[in-house]
Amino acid sequence: MQNNVSIAIRPEAMVLQSDKISNSISVTIVKTSYAGNHYQYTVSSPLGELYIVSQDIVNVFHPGNKAHLTFKETGLNILSD
């Protein structure tokens, strides 16, 4: 029996935060782009590089910033291998 699972994560199902909370993943911001009504981020994480879409246009992260990643309750799907 393997302990691996594949999941699909919508870019807007991930949330970046300054403060570490339980079950968060530490990430480093690689790229930040403002796209009119949202920000697009590329982050480096223990899971690899991830693409995130954030509606938060007030709390902005910049390349090199450290942040913490959590997941919303929706937008995650387990894939059958």
PDB file of N, CA and C in Angstrom:
ATOM      1  N   MET A   1       0.836  -1.186   0.000  1.00  0.00           N
ATOM      2  CA  MET A   1       0.000   0.000   0.000  1.00  0.00           C
ATOM      3  C   MET A   1       0.876   1.242   0.000  1.00  0.00           C
ATOM      4  N   GLN A   2       0.592   2.174  -0.887  1.00  0.00           N
ATOM      5  CA  GLN A   2       1.345   3.418  -0.950  1.00  0.00           C
ATOM      6  C   GLN A   2       0.651   4.483  -0.112  1.00  0.00           C
ATOM      7  N   ASN A   3       1.443   5.440   0.364  1.00  0.00           N
ATOM      8  CA  ASN A   3       0.907   6.546   1.156  1.00  0.00           C
ATOM      9  C   ASN A   3       0.858   7.837   0.363  1.00  0.00           C
ATOM     10  N   ASN A   4       0.842   7.750  -0.946  1.00  0.00           N
ATOM     11  CA  ASN A   4       0.825   8.940  -1.791  1.00  0.00           C
ATOM     12  C   ASN A   4      -0.571   9.208  -2.308  1.00  0.00           C
ATOM     13  N   VAL A   5      -0.866  10.471  -2.481  1.00  0.00           N
ATOM     14  CA  VAL A   5      -2.141  10.875  -3.057  1.00  0.00           C
ATOM     15  C   VAL A   5      -1.888  12.082  -3.951  1.00  0.00           C
ATOM     16  N   SER A   6      -2.615  12.165  -5.047  1.00  0.00           N
ATOM     17  CA  SER A   6      -2.512  13.318  -5.939  1.00  0.00           C
ATOM     18  C   SER A   6      -3.750  14.185  -5.745  1.00  0.00           C
ATOM     19  N   ILE A   7      -3.534  15.495  -5.691  1.00  0.00           N
ATOM     20  CA  ILE A   7      -4.656  16.413  -5.547  1.00  0.00           C
ATOM     21  C   ILE A   7      -4.528  17.550  -6.556  1.00  0.00           C
ATOM     22  N   ALA A   8      -5.657  18.094  -6.935  1.00  0.00           N
ATOM     23  CA  ALA A   8      -5.706  19.302  -7.768  1.00  0.00           C
ATOM     24  C   ALA A   8      -6.172  20.435  -6.860  1.00  0.00           C
ATOM     25  N   ILE A   9      -5.449  21.541  -6.903  1.00  0.00           N
ATOM     26  CA  ILE A   9      -5.767  22.682  -6.048  1.00  0.00           C
ATOM     27  C   ILE A   9      -6.018  23.899  -6.930  1.00  0.00           C
ATOM     28  N   ARG A  10      -7.195  24.495  -6.808  1.00  0.00           N
ATOM     29  CA  ARG A  10      -7.488  25.727  -7.533  1.00  0.00           C
ATOM     30  C   ARG A  10      -6.582  26.833  -6.994  1.00  0.00           C
ATOM     31  N   PRO A  11      -6.045  27.708  -7.861  1.00  0.00           N
ATOM     32  CA  PRO A  11      -5.139  28.772  -7.406  1.00  0.00           C
ATOM     33  C   PRO A  11      -5.774  29.705  -6.379  1.00  0.00           C
ATOM     34  N   GLU A  12      -7.087  29.881  -6.453  1.00  0.00           N
ATOM     35  CA  GLU A  12      -7.762  30.762  -5.497  1.00  0.00           C
ATOM     36  C   GLU A  12      -8.161  30.030  -4.211  1.00  0.00           C
ATOM     37  N   ALA A  13      -7.871  28.720  -4.115  1.00  0.00           N
ATOM     38  CA  ALA A  13      -8.173  27.944  -2.907  1.00  0.00           C
ATOM     39  C   ALA A  13      -7.038  28.007  -1.889  1.00  0.00           C
ATOM     40  N   MET A  14      -5.967  28.706  -2.250  1.00  0.00           N
ATOM     41  CA  MET A  14      -4.826  28.851  -1.342  1.00  0.00           C
ATOM     42  C   MET A  14      -4.808  30.274  -0.782  1.00  0.00           C
ATOM     43  N   VAL A  15      -4.442  30.393   0.492  1.00  0.00           N
ATOM     44  CA  VAL A  15      -4.449  31.691   1.169  1.00  0.00           C
ATOM     45  C   VAL A  15      -3.062  31.954   1.748  1.00  0.00           C
ATOM     46  N   LEU A  16      -2.507  33.135   1.457  1.00  0.00           N
ATOM     47  CA  LEU A  16      -1.233  33.554   2.027  1.00  0.00           C
ATOM     48  C   LEU A  16      -1.478  34.421   3.251  1.00  0.00           C
ATOM     49  N   GLN A  17      -0.686  34.180   4.300  1.00  0.00           N
ATOM     50  CA  GLN A  17      -0.793  34.949   5.530  1.00  0.00           C
ATOM     51  C   GLN A  17       0.600  35.280   6.042  1.00  0.00           C
ATOM     52  N   SER A  18       0.712  36.390   6.737  1.00  0.00           N
ATOM     53  CA  SER A  18       1.987  36.773   7.338  1.00  0.00           C
ATOM     54  C   SER A  18       2.301  35.927   8.563  1.00  0.00           C
ATOM     55  N   ASP A  19       1.270  35.650   9.356  1.00  0.00           N
ATOM     56  CA  ASP A  19       1.461  34.935  10.617  1.00  0.00           C
ATOM     57  C   ASP A  19       1.310  33.432  10.434  1.00  0.00           C
ATOM     58  N   LYS A  20       2.174  32.700  11.118  1.00  0.00           N
ATOM     59  CA  LYS A  20       2.091  31.247  11.085  1.00  0.00           C
ATOM     60  C   LYS A  20       0.916  30.799  11.946  1.00  0.00           C
ATOM     61  N   ILE A  21       0.105  29.902  11.389  1.00  0.00           N
ATOM     62  CA  ILE A  21      -0.984  29.300  12.145  1.00  0.00           C
ATOM     63  C   ILE A  21      -0.842  27.782  12.034  1.00  0.00           C
ATOM     64  N   SER A  22      -1.602  27.051  12.825  1.00  0.00           N
ATOM     65  CA  SER A  22      -1.500  25.593  12.763  1.00  0.00           C
ATOM     66  C   SER A  22      -1.882  25.109  11.368  1.00  0.00           C
ATOM     67  N   ASN A  23      -1.218  24.071  10.932  1.00  0.00           N
ATOM     68  CA  ASN A  23      -1.450  23.453   9.625  1.00  0.00           C
ATOM     69  C   ASN A  23      -1.107  24.355   8.446  1.00  0.00           C
ATOM     70  N   SER A  24      -0.254  25.349   8.658  1.00  0.00           N
ATOM     71  CA  SER A  24       0.178  26.184   7.534  1.00  0.00           C
ATOM     72  C   SER A  24       1.522  25.679   7.007  1.00  0.00           C
ATOM     73  N   ILE A  25       1.831  26.048   5.787  1.00  0.00           N
ATOM     74  CA  ILE A  25       3.081  25.668   5.131  1.00  0.00           C
ATOM     75  C   ILE A  25       3.891  26.932   4.903  1.00  0.00           C
ATOM     76  N   SER A  26       5.155  26.915   5.294  1.00  0.00           N
ATOM     77  CA  SER A  26       6.031  28.073   5.069  1.00  0.00           C
ATOM     78  C   SER A  26       6.405  28.144   3.593  1.00  0.00           C
ATOM     79  N   VAL A  27       6.295  29.338   3.024  1.00  0.00           N
ATOM     80  CA  VAL A  27       6.614  29.554   1.610  1.00  0.00           C
ATOM     81  C   VAL A  27       7.435  30.827   1.453  1.00  0.00           C
ATOM     82  N   THR A  28       8.085  30.945   0.310  1.00  0.00           N
ATOM     83  CA  THR A  28       8.800  32.158  -0.078  1.00  0.00           C
ATOM     84  C   THR A  28       8.190  32.664  -1.377  1.00  0.00           C
ATOM     85  N   ILE A  29       7.886  33.951  -1.407  1.00  0.00           N
ATOM     86  CA  ILE A  29       7.302  34.554  -2.617  1.00  0.00           C
ATOM     87  C   ILE A  29       8.386  34.651  -3.682  1.00  0.00           C
ATOM     88  N   VAL A  30       8.113  34.119  -4.864  1.00  0.00           N
ATOM     89  CA  VAL A  30       9.044  34.158  -5.985  1.00  0.00           C
ATOM     90  C   VAL A  30       8.672  35.279  -6.952  1.00  0.00           C
ATOM     91  N   LYS A  31       7.354  35.422  -7.218  1.00  0.00           N
ATOM     92  CA  LYS A  31       6.894  36.408  -8.195  1.00  0.00           C
ATOM     93  C   LYS A  31       5.549  36.961  -7.745  1.00  0.00           C
ATOM     94  N   THR A  32       5.349  38.266  -7.952  1.00  0.00           N
ATOM     95  CA  THR A  32       4.092  38.938  -7.635  1.00  0.00           C
ATOM     96  C   THR A  32       3.638  39.738  -8.853  1.00  0.00           C
ATOM     97  N   SER A  33       2.362  39.578  -9.220  1.00  0.00           N
ATOM     98  CA  SER A  33       1.800  40.344 -10.337  1.00  0.00           C
ATOM     99  C   SER A  33       0.431  40.881  -9.939  1.00  0.00           C
ATOM    100  N   TYR A  34       0.214  42.176 -10.153  1.00  0.00           N
ATOM    101  CA  TYR A  34      -1.101  42.773  -9.914  1.00  0.00           C
ATOM    102  C   TYR A  34      -1.910  42.638 -11.188  1.00  0.00           C
ATOM    103  N   ALA A  35      -3.129  42.119 -11.074  1.00  0.00           N
ATOM    104  CA  ALA A  35      -3.948  41.865 -12.261  1.00  0.00           C
ATOM    105  C   ALA A  35      -5.289  42.584 -12.186  1.00  0.00           C
ATOM    106  N   GLY A  36      -5.293  43.811 -11.730  1.00  0.00           N
ATOM    107  CA  GLY A  36      -6.505  44.630 -11.725  1.00  0.00           C
ATOM    108  C   GLY A  36      -7.330  44.501 -10.472  1.00  0.00           C
ATOM    109  N   ASN A  37      -7.923  43.335 -10.225  1.00  0.00           N
ATOM    110  CA  ASN A  37      -8.733  43.157  -9.018  1.00  0.00           C
ATOM    111  C   ASN A  37      -8.215  42.023  -8.130  1.00  0.00           C
ATOM    112  N   HIS A  38      -7.030  41.528  -8.452  1.00  0.00           N
ATOM    113  CA  HIS A  38      -6.412  40.487  -7.629  1.00  0.00           C
ATOM    114  C   HIS A  38      -4.897  40.452  -7.874  1.00  0.00           C
ATOM    115  N   TYR A  39      -4.205  39.728  -7.005  1.00  0.00           N
ATOM    116  CA  TYR A  39      -2.771  39.503  -7.177  1.00  0.00           C
ATOM    117  C   TYR A  39      -2.536  38.052  -7.555  1.00  0.00           C
ATOM    118  N   GLN A  40      -1.522  37.836  -8.367  1.00  0.00           N
ATOM    119  CA  GLN A  40      -1.094  36.497  -8.734  1.00  0.00           C
ATOM    120  C   GLN A  40       0.308  36.309  -8.160  1.00  0.00           C
ATOM    121  N   TYR A  41       0.499  35.194  -7.489  1.00  0.00           N
ATOM    122  CA  TYR A  41       1.782  34.901  -6.858  1.00  0.00           C
ATOM    123  C   TYR A  41       2.311  33.558  -7.340  1.00  0.00           C
ATOM    124  N   THR A  42       3.614  33.478  -7.463  1.00  0.00           N
ATOM    125  CA  THR A  42       4.305  32.201  -7.566  1.00  0.00           C
ATOM    126  C   THR A  42       5.107  32.082  -6.288  1.00  0.00           C
ATOM    127  N   VAL A  43       4.969  30.936  -5.603  1.00  0.00           N
ATOM    128  CA  VAL A  43       5.679  30.733  -4.346  1.00  0.00           C
ATOM    129  C   VAL A  43       6.492  29.461  -4.418  1.00  0.00           C
ATOM    130  N   SER A  44       7.579  29.442  -3.668  1.00  0.00           N
ATOM    131  CA  SER A  44       8.398  28.248  -3.504  1.00  0.00           C
ATOM    132  C   SER A  44       8.005  27.613  -2.175  1.00  0.00           C
ATOM    133  N   SER A  45       7.714  26.317  -2.201  1.00  0.00           N
ATOM    134  CA  SER A  45       7.252  25.629  -0.997  1.00  0.00           C
ATOM    135  C   SER A  45       7.846  24.226  -0.944  1.00  0.00           C
ATOM    136  N   PRO A  46       7.683  23.535   0.183  1.00  0.00           N
ATOM    137  CA  PRO A  46       8.122  22.137   0.249  1.00  0.00           C
ATOM    138  C   PRO A  46       7.374  21.244  -0.746  1.00  0.00           C
ATOM    139  N   LEU A  47       6.240  21.720  -1.267  1.00  0.00           N
ATOM    140  CA  LEU A  47       5.462  20.971  -2.259  1.00  0.00           C
ATOM    141  C   LEU A  47       5.905  21.282  -3.678  1.00  0.00           C
ATOM    142  N   GLY A  48       6.855  22.208  -3.839  1.00  0.00           N
ATOM    143  CA  GLY A  48       7.293  22.683  -5.145  1.00  0.00           C
ATOM    144  C   GLY A  48       6.787  24.100  -5.362  1.00  0.00           C
ATOM    145  N   GLU A  49       6.929  24.605  -6.591  1.00  0.00           N
ATOM    146  CA  GLU A  49       6.411  25.941  -6.899  1.00  0.00           C
ATOM    147  C   GLU A  49       4.905  25.864  -7.085  1.00  0.00           C
ATOM    148  N   LEU A  50       4.213  26.841  -6.500  1.00  0.00           N
ATOM    149  CA  LEU A  50       2.756  26.897  -6.582  1.00  0.00           C
ATOM    150  C   LEU A  50       2.329  28.250  -7.127  1.00  0.00           C
ATOM    151  N   TYR A  51       1.231  28.261  -7.862  1.00  0.00           N
ATOM    152  CA  TYR A  51       0.633  29.480  -8.414  1.00  0.00           C
ATOM    153  C   TYR A  51      -0.608  29.790  -7.593  1.00  0.00           C
ATOM    154  N   ILE A  52      -0.704  31.017  -7.071  1.00  0.00           N
ATOM    155  CA  ILE A  52      -1.788  31.414  -6.182  1.00  0.00           C
ATOM    156  C   ILE A  52      -2.449  32.673  -6.719  1.00  0.00           C
ATOM    157  N   VAL A  53      -3.772  32.716  -6.644  1.00  0.00           N
ATOM    158  CA  VAL A  53      -4.544  33.910  -6.980  1.00  0.00           C
ATOM    159  C   VAL A  53      -5.167  34.422  -5.694  1.00  0.00           C
ATOM    160  N   SER A  54      -4.900  35.676  -5.345  1.00  0.00           N
ATOM    161  CA  SER A  54      -5.400  36.260  -4.100  1.00  0.00           C
ATOM    162  C   SER A  54      -6.261  37.491  -4.385  1.00  0.00           C
ATOM    163  N   GLN A  55      -7.452  37.515  -3.810  1.00  0.00           N
ATOM    164  CA  GLN A  55      -8.332  38.677  -3.917  1.00  0.00           C
ATOM    165  C   GLN A  55      -7.924  39.774  -2.936  1.00  0.00           C
ATOM    166  N   ASP A  56      -7.001  39.472  -2.035  1.00  0.00           N
ATOM    167  CA  ASP A  56      -6.544  40.444  -1.031  1.00  0.00           C
ATOM    168  C   ASP A  56      -5.585  41.432  -1.704  1.00  0.00           C
ATOM    169  N   ILE A  57      -6.067  42.652  -1.943  1.00  0.00           N
ATOM    170  CA  ILE A  57      -5.225  43.664  -2.588  1.00  0.00           C
ATOM    171  C   ILE A  57      -4.681  44.671  -1.571  1.00  0.00           C
ATOM    172  N   VAL A  58      -4.906  44.394  -0.282  1.00  0.00           N
ATOM    173  CA  VAL A  58      -4.405  45.265   0.783  1.00  0.00           C
ATOM    174  C   VAL A  58      -3.113  44.701   1.374  1.00  0.00           C
ATOM    175  N   ASN A  59      -3.121  43.421   1.723  1.00  0.00           N
ATOM    176  CA  ASN A  59      -1.959  42.760   2.319  1.00  0.00           C
ATOM    177  C   ASN A  59      -1.167  42.079   1.206  1.00  0.00           C
ATOM    178  N   VAL A  60      -0.221  42.806   0.648  1.00  0.00           N
ATOM    179  CA  VAL A  60       0.506  42.352  -0.538  1.00  0.00           C
ATOM    180  C   VAL A  60       1.875  41.810  -0.137  1.00  0.00           C
ATOM    181  N   PHE A  61       2.263  40.701  -0.775  1.00  0.00           N
ATOM    182  CA  PHE A  61       3.581  40.105  -0.574  1.00  0.00           C
ATOM    183  C   PHE A  61       4.450  40.404  -1.790  1.00  0.00           C
ATOM    184  N   HIS A  62       5.746  40.534  -1.559  1.00  0.00           N
ATOM    185  CA  HIS A  62       6.691  40.859  -2.620  1.00  0.00           C
ATOM    186  C   HIS A  62       7.741  39.762  -2.721  1.00  0.00           C
ATOM    187  N   PRO A  63       8.395  39.631  -3.887  1.00  0.00           N
ATOM    188  CA  PRO A  63       9.415  38.600  -4.045  1.00  0.00           C
ATOM    189  C   PRO A  63      10.450  38.654  -2.916  1.00  0.00           C
ATOM    190  N   GLY A  64      10.738  37.479  -2.385  1.00  0.00           N
ATOM    191  CA  GLY A  64      11.675  37.352  -1.271  1.00  0.00           C
ATOM    192  C   GLY A  64      10.995  37.311   0.091  1.00  0.00           C
ATOM    193  N   ASN A  65       9.740  37.806   0.164  1.00  0.00           N
ATOM    194  CA  ASN A  65       8.993  37.751   1.430  1.00  0.00           C
ATOM    195  C   ASN A  65       8.724  36.307   1.831  1.00  0.00           C
ATOM    196  N   LYS A  66       8.728  36.063   3.132  1.00  0.00           N
ATOM    197  CA  LYS A  66       8.298  34.778   3.691  1.00  0.00           C
ATOM    198  C   LYS A  66       6.825  34.907   4.040  1.00  0.00           C
ATOM    199  N   ALA A  67       6.080  33.832   3.857  1.00  0.00           N
ATOM    200  CA  ALA A  67       4.654  33.826   4.172  1.00  0.00           C
ATOM    201  C   ALA A  67       4.262  32.418   4.596  1.00  0.00           C
ATOM    202  N   HIS A  68       3.001  32.269   4.959  1.00  0.00           N
ATOM    203  CA  HIS A  68       2.474  30.975   5.365  1.00  0.00           C
ATOM    204  C   HIS A  68       1.227  30.687   4.546  1.00  0.00           C
ATOM    205  N   LEU A  69       1.165  29.480   4.042  1.00  0.00           N
ATOM    206  CA  LEU A  69       0.108  29.062   3.128  1.00  0.00           C
ATOM    207  C   LEU A  69      -0.886  28.158   3.848  1.00  0.00           C
ATOM    208  N   THR A  70      -2.166  28.468   3.683  1.00  0.00           N
ATOM    209  CA  THR A  70      -3.239  27.588   4.151  1.00  0.00           C
ATOM    210  C   THR A  70      -4.190  27.350   2.982  1.00  0.00           C
ATOM    211  N   PHE A  71      -5.143  26.482   3.202  1.00  0.00           N
ATOM    212  CA  PHE A  71      -6.079  26.119   2.135  1.00  0.00           C
ATOM    213  C   PHE A  71      -7.512  26.373   2.579  1.00  0.00           C
ATOM    214  N   LYS A  72      -8.317  26.852   1.648  1.00  0.00           N
ATOM    215  CA  LYS A  72      -9.747  27.018   1.904  1.00  0.00           C
ATOM    216  C   LYS A  72     -10.406  25.640   1.924  1.00  0.00           C
ATOM    217  N   GLU A  73     -11.627  25.577   2.397  1.00  0.00           N
ATOM    218  CA  GLU A  73     -12.336  24.302   2.482  1.00  0.00           C
ATOM    219  C   GLU A  73     -12.809  23.803   1.125  1.00  0.00           C
ATOM    220  N   THR A  74     -12.892  24.687   0.142  1.00  0.00           N
ATOM    221  CA  THR A  74     -13.315  24.285  -1.201  1.00  0.00           C
ATOM    222  C   THR A  74     -12.173  24.525  -2.180  1.00  0.00           C
ATOM    223  N   GLY A  75     -12.236  23.860  -3.323  1.00  0.00           N
ATOM    224  CA  GLY A  75     -11.218  24.060  -4.363  1.00  0.00           C
ATOM    225  C   GLY A  75     -10.119  23.032  -4.333  1.00  0.00           C
ATOM    226  N   LEU A  76     -10.260  21.984  -3.516  1.00  0.00           N
ATOM    227  CA  LEU A  76      -9.302  20.886  -3.462  1.00  0.00           C
ATOM    228  C   LEU A  76      -9.993  19.620  -3.938  1.00  0.00           C
ATOM    229  N   ASN A  77      -9.354  18.891  -4.839  1.00  0.00           N
ATOM    230  CA  ASN A  77      -9.942  17.663  -5.368  1.00  0.00           C
ATOM    231  C   ASN A  77      -8.921  16.538  -5.352  1.00  0.00           C
ATOM    232  N   ILE A  78      -9.308  15.392  -4.816  1.00  0.00           N
ATOM    233  CA  ILE A  78      -8.452  14.205  -4.848  1.00  0.00           C
ATOM    234  C   ILE A  78      -8.587  13.577  -6.224  1.00  0.00           C
ATOM    235  N   LEU A  79      -7.443  13.281  -6.834  1.00  0.00           N
ATOM    236  CA  LEU A  79      -7.433  12.704  -8.169  1.00  0.00           C
ATOM    237  C   LEU A  79      -7.244  11.197  -8.097  1.00  0.00           C
ATOM    238  N   SER A  80      -7.891  10.474  -8.982  1.00  0.00           N
ATOM    239  CA  SER A  80      -7.655   9.029  -9.050  1.00  0.00           C
ATOM    240  C   SER A  80      -6.451   8.808  -9.961  1.00  0.00           C
ATOM    241  N   ASP A  81      -5.512   8.037  -9.482  1.00  0.00           N
ATOM    242  CA  ASP A  81      -4.273   7.786 -10.245  1.00  0.00           C
ATOM    243  C   ASP A  81      -4.435   6.648 -11.213  1.00  0.00           C
TER     244      ASP A  81
END
